[in-house]
Protein backbone atom coordinates (compact mmCIF):
# COMPACT_ATOMS: atom_id res chain seq x y z
CA UNK A 1 6.28 75.22 34.60
CA UNK A 2 3.30 73.07 35.41
CA UNK A 3 3.92 69.20 34.83
CA UNK A 4 2.46 67.75 31.77
CA UNK A 5 -0.68 65.57 32.25
CA UNK A 6 0.24 61.91 32.09
CA UNK A 7 -0.27 60.56 28.44
CA UNK A 8 -2.47 57.42 28.32
CA UNK A 9 -0.94 54.46 26.56
CA UNK A 10 -3.08 52.60 24.15
CA UNK A 11 -2.25 48.85 24.01
CA UNK A 12 -3.38 47.07 20.93
CA UNK A 13 -4.69 43.35 21.50
CA UNK A 14 -4.73 40.69 18.66
CA UNK A 15 -8.21 40.01 17.12
CA UNK A 16 -9.93 36.96 18.55
CA UNK A 17 -9.44 33.81 16.39
CA UNK A 18 -12.42 32.54 14.16
CA UNK A 19 -12.86 29.38 16.41
CA UNK A 20 -13.79 29.78 20.17
CA UNK A 21 -12.76 27.67 23.10
CA UNK A 22 -15.79 26.03 24.80
CA UNK A 23 -17.08 27.79 27.71
CA UNK A 24 -15.50 27.24 31.08
CA UNK A 25 -17.19 27.19 34.43
CA UNK A 26 -14.16 28.82 36.03
CA UNK A 27 -14.35 32.46 36.67
CA UNK A 28 -12.21 34.52 34.46
CA UNK A 29 -9.35 36.10 36.39
CA UNK A 30 -9.97 39.67 37.45
CA UNK A 31 -7.84 42.28 35.68
CA UNK A 32 -6.32 44.79 38.19
CA UNK A 33 -5.80 48.12 36.81
CA UNK A 34 -3.52 50.97 38.06
CA UNK A 35 -4.35 54.51 38.21
CA UNK A 36 -2.53 57.34 36.33
CA UNK A 37 1.11 58.01 37.41
CA UNK A 38 1.16 60.80 40.01
CA UNK A 39 2.90 64.06 38.84
CA UNK A 40 5.96 65.12 40.45
CA UNK A 41 5.60 67.45 43.63
CA UNK A 42 5.64 71.07 42.69
CA UNK A 43 8.87 72.78 43.69
CA UNK A 44 8.82 74.93 46.63
CA UNK A 45 11.02 78.05 47.53
CA UNK A 46 13.74 77.84 49.96
CA UNK A 47 12.79 78.98 53.54
CA UNK A 48 14.31 82.38 54.79
CA UNK A 49 16.72 80.41 56.92
CA UNK A 50 17.93 78.52 54.01
CA UNK A 51 18.41 81.63 51.95
CA UNK A 52 20.36 83.23 54.74
CA UNK A 53 22.54 80.10 54.85
CA UNK A 54 22.94 80.17 51.13
CA UNK A 55 24.48 83.58 51.33
CA UNK A 56 27.56 81.82 53.20
CA UNK A 57 28.34 79.52 50.41
CA UNK A 58 30.99 79.97 47.77
CA UNK A 59 30.07 82.10 44.51
CA UNK A 60 29.50 78.79 42.53
CA UNK A 61 27.29 77.20 45.03
CA UNK A 62 25.41 80.52 45.56
CA UNK A 63 24.81 80.86 41.86
CA UNK A 64 23.22 77.42 41.68
CA UNK A 65 21.16 77.92 44.64
CA UNK A 66 19.67 81.33 43.38
CA UNK A 67 19.23 79.85 39.90
CA UNK A 68 16.96 77.16 41.16
CA UNK A 69 15.01 79.72 43.18
CA UNK A 70 14.65 82.00 39.87
CA UNK A 71 13.40 78.76 38.17
CA UNK A 72 10.68 78.52 40.54
CA UNK A 73 9.70 82.21 40.53
CA UNK A 74 11.27 84.51 37.95
CA UNK A 75 9.64 87.54 39.65
CA UNK A 76 11.35 86.74 43.01
CA UNK A 77 13.57 89.96 43.55
CA UNK A 78 15.79 88.47 46.19
CA UNK A 79 16.49 85.48 44.04
CA UNK A 80 17.33 87.56 40.96
CA UNK A 81 19.58 89.87 42.95
CA UNK A 82 21.40 86.79 44.75
CA UNK A 83 21.91 85.27 41.28
CA UNK A 84 23.37 88.39 39.79
CA UNK A 85 25.72 89.03 42.62
CA UNK A 86 26.99 85.35 42.66
CA UNK A 87 27.42 85.40 38.85
CA UNK A 88 29.38 88.78 39.25
CA UNK A 89 31.59 87.22 41.83
CA UNK A 90 32.37 84.45 39.34
CA UNK A 91 33.35 86.91 36.84
CA UNK A 92 30.27 86.08 34.63
CA UNK A 93 29.40 89.85 34.06
CA UNK A 94 27.08 89.45 31.09
CA UNK A 95 25.00 86.83 32.86
CA UNK A 96 25.01 88.96 35.99
CA UNK A 97 23.66 91.86 34.13
CA UNK A 98 21.03 89.66 32.52
CA UNK A 99 19.92 88.54 35.88
CA UNK A 100 19.45 92.01 37.30
CA UNK A 101 17.81 93.09 34.02
CA UNK A 102 15.19 90.33 34.24
CA UNK A 103 14.04 91.78 37.58
CA UNK A 104 13.96 95.29 36.10
CA UNK A 105 11.40 94.01 33.53
CA UNK A 106 8.99 93.39 36.39
CA UNK A 107 10.27 96.28 38.67
CA UNK A 108 11.82 99.07 36.66
CA UNK A 109 12.45 101.03 39.83
CA UNK A 110 14.20 98.39 41.80
CA UNK A 111 17.02 100.33 43.25
CA UNK A 112 19.23 97.23 44.05
CA UNK A 113 18.59 95.75 40.54
CA UNK A 114 19.65 99.10 38.90
CA UNK A 115 22.97 99.02 40.93
CA UNK A 116 23.61 95.43 40.14
CA UNK A 117 23.04 96.06 36.42
CA UNK A 118 25.40 98.92 36.49
CA UNK A 119 28.04 96.92 38.59
CA UNK A 120 27.96 94.03 36.17
CA UNK A 121 28.48 96.01 33.08
CA UNK A 122 31.17 97.90 34.72
CA UNK A 123 32.88 94.73 35.78
CA UNK A 124 32.70 93.60 32.21
CA UNK A 125 34.33 96.86 30.97
CA UNK A 126 31.12 97.73 29.31
CA UNK A 127 30.63 101.04 31.18
CA UNK A 128 28.77 102.72 28.31
CA UNK A 129 25.72 100.28 28.77
CA UNK A 130 25.91 100.88 32.78
CA UNK A 131 25.32 104.71 32.40
CA UNK A 132 21.50 104.56 32.04
CA UNK A 133 21.22 102.15 35.04
CA UNK A 134 23.40 104.20 37.19
CA UNK A 135 21.73 107.70 36.19
CA UNK A 136 18.28 106.04 36.92
CA UNK A 137 19.52 104.91 40.35
CA UNK A 138 20.82 108.24 41.14
CA UNK A 139 17.38 109.81 40.49
CA UNK A 140 15.81 107.55 42.91
CA UNK A 141 18.29 108.05 45.81
CA UNK A 142 20.18 111.20 44.95
CA UNK A 143 21.97 111.37 48.27
CA UNK A 144 23.56 107.91 47.81
CA UNK A 145 27.17 107.96 46.68
CA UNK A 146 27.08 104.53 45.20
CA UNK A 147 25.24 105.09 41.93
CA UNK A 148 27.28 108.32 41.40
CA UNK A 149 30.66 106.41 41.86
CA UNK A 150 29.42 103.87 39.56
CA UNK A 151 28.31 106.28 36.93
CA UNK A 152 31.73 108.00 37.26
CA UNK A 153 33.59 104.94 36.36
CA UNK A 154 31.09 104.08 33.61
CA UNK A 155 31.81 107.42 32.11
CA UNK A 156 35.48 106.78 32.34
CA UNK A 157 35.16 103.49 30.32
CA UNK A 158 32.99 105.26 27.81
CA UNK A 159 35.99 107.90 27.44
CA UNK A 160 33.79 110.77 28.73
CA UNK A 161 36.57 112.08 31.07
CA UNK A 162 35.32 115.44 31.89
CA UNK A 163 31.81 114.11 32.80
CA UNK A 164 33.57 111.22 34.87
CA UNK A 165 35.64 113.72 36.95
CA UNK A 166 32.70 115.68 37.84
CA UNK A 167 30.81 112.45 38.89
CA UNK A 168 33.92 111.35 41.01
CA UNK A 169 34.01 114.81 42.60
CA UNK A 170 30.16 114.66 43.36
CA UNK A 171 30.67 111.21 44.88
CA UNK A 172 33.38 112.29 47.16
CA UNK A 173 31.18 115.31 48.31
CA UNK A 174 28.48 112.95 49.13
CA UNK A 175 30.86 110.61 51.10
CA UNK A 176 34.10 112.53 51.82
CA UNK A 177 35.58 109.98 54.27
CA UNK A 178 34.67 106.88 52.36
CA UNK A 179 37.45 104.68 51.11
CA UNK A 180 35.83 103.88 47.95
CA UNK A 181 35.06 107.53 46.89
CA UNK A 182 38.58 108.66 47.90
CA UNK A 183 40.20 105.70 45.90
CA UNK A 184 38.07 106.18 42.89
CA UNK A 185 38.87 109.82 42.58
CA UNK A 186 42.57 109.11 43.31
CA UNK A 187 42.80 106.46 40.77
CA UNK A 188 41.26 108.61 38.12
CA UNK A 189 44.05 111.10 38.63
CA UNK A 190 46.68 108.33 38.66
CA UNK A 191 45.33 107.00 35.35
CA UNK A 192 45.36 110.56 33.84
CA UNK A 193 48.92 111.05 34.61
CA UNK A 194 48.51 113.13 37.95
CA UNK A 195 50.00 110.90 40.64
CA UNK A 196 50.62 113.95 42.76
CA UNK A 197 46.89 114.62 42.98
CA UNK A 198 46.15 111.04 43.58
CA UNK A 199 48.66 110.50 46.47
CA UNK A 200 46.78 112.55 49.21
CA UNK A 201 43.49 110.94 48.33
CA UNK A 202 44.83 107.38 48.39
CA UNK A 203 46.63 108.08 51.72
CA UNK A 204 43.37 109.11 53.24
CA UNK A 205 41.77 106.14 51.87
CA UNK A 206 44.31 103.67 53.14
CA UNK A 207 44.22 105.32 56.64
CA UNK A 208 40.27 105.37 56.76
CA UNK A 209 38.32 102.76 59.02
CA UNK A 210 37.30 99.84 56.98
CA UNK A 211 40.15 100.32 54.38
CA UNK A 212 41.34 97.05 52.84
CA UNK A 213 44.21 95.76 51.00
CA UNK A 214 42.99 97.22 47.76
CA UNK A 215 43.44 100.86 49.19
CA UNK A 216 47.01 100.03 50.38
CA UNK A 217 47.93 98.57 47.01
CA UNK A 218 46.54 101.53 45.08
CA UNK A 219 48.65 103.91 47.24
CA UNK A 220 51.70 101.73 46.71
CA UNK A 221 51.15 101.86 42.97
CA UNK A 222 50.98 105.66 42.86
CA UNK A 223 54.12 105.88 45.18
CA UNK A 224 55.89 103.66 42.82
CA UNK A 225 54.91 105.86 39.92
CA UNK A 226 56.51 108.89 41.67
CA UNK A 227 59.80 106.81 42.20
CA UNK A 228 59.29 106.27 45.90
CA UNK A 229 60.01 102.58 45.61
CA UNK A 230 61.08 101.88 49.21
CA UNK A 231 57.73 103.21 50.52
CA UNK A 232 55.76 101.36 47.92
CA UNK A 233 57.56 98.21 48.82
CA UNK A 234 56.84 98.72 52.43
CA UNK A 235 53.04 99.05 51.72
CA UNK A 236 53.01 96.00 49.32
CA UNK A 237 54.72 93.80 51.91
CA UNK A 238 51.69 94.25 54.19
CA UNK A 239 49.59 92.33 51.93
CA UNK A 240 51.53 90.48 49.28
CA UNK A 241 54.02 87.65 49.35
CA UNK A 242 57.76 88.52 48.60
CA UNK A 243 57.71 87.27 44.90
CA UNK A 244 54.73 89.31 44.02
CA UNK A 245 56.26 92.31 45.54
CA UNK A 246 59.42 91.89 43.68
CA UNK A 247 57.46 91.44 40.43
CA UNK A 248 55.43 94.62 40.99
CA UNK A 249 58.58 96.59 41.83
CA UNK A 250 60.29 95.31 38.71
CA UNK A 251 57.15 96.50 36.69
CA UNK A 252 57.26 99.87 38.26
CA UNK A 253 60.97 100.35 37.43
CA UNK A 254 60.37 99.26 33.88
CA UNK A 255 59.04 101.64 31.14
CA UNK A 256 55.63 99.94 31.13
CA UNK A 257 52.71 102.23 31.91
CA UNK A 258 51.00 100.32 34.95
CA UNK A 259 47.80 102.41 35.10
CA UNK A 260 45.41 101.07 32.56
CA UNK A 261 41.67 101.94 31.76
CA UNK A 262 39.61 101.34 34.98
CA UNK A 263 38.50 97.85 35.79
CA UNK A 264 36.24 96.36 38.19
CA UNK A 265 39.32 95.89 40.63
CA UNK A 266 39.40 99.53 41.52
CA UNK A 267 35.62 99.26 42.63
CA UNK A 268 35.80 96.38 44.86
CA UNK A 269 34.61 98.56 47.79
CA UNK A 270 31.43 99.69 45.88
CA UNK A 271 28.66 97.56 47.41
């Protein structure tokens, strides 16, 4: 926004009295006027080096940094995407989706913005509203597993299970050794009462290069559902403190049903 022009201030002087003082030989003092106040300097974008450094900050600081960049230029794709990712990391999913959608107003085929829009809505358990963005992204890059995997989870959240399963299988066909596609299909089976189908997929995911604690914990969960508590506990102890392992095992021993509708937690590896 351009700064407003300075507003001139009019100062009213009292009217001269009826009588006048006798003329003086002294020269009238000079009146020194000052010019108009200078407008504040126009904000400038951060340098590429500053932007790279900002990505190393914590999510809250990143969100503040990219929000400033967006204020300077609402059409700045890097800034909008950076803001969306930072807000998503903070769990502010609606705002993250809005940041991505703002970029899509100017660039409706921006692939990264479509993915971010879908991720944010899936993260907020609003998968129905992620379907359009994920499908659009898939048409732009049909060989990329990421929009297909996002679409699969979005369809799950929309209770369109048959379509979700087909999308999970398609994502796995595109990236058969990827921990995320293996995990996502495995967790689909687990959440639909088929742990025996989930286990081999999750074992492969946990053994894949680049696998994280998330993959191991998903496998532990499924092993617990199958009643293999000792093996589940051994996996959990690789990543969790003893008290949390004990709580998880107690939960698995209970009658509670631990597999709930899909959340963002099972998609952490989708980037």
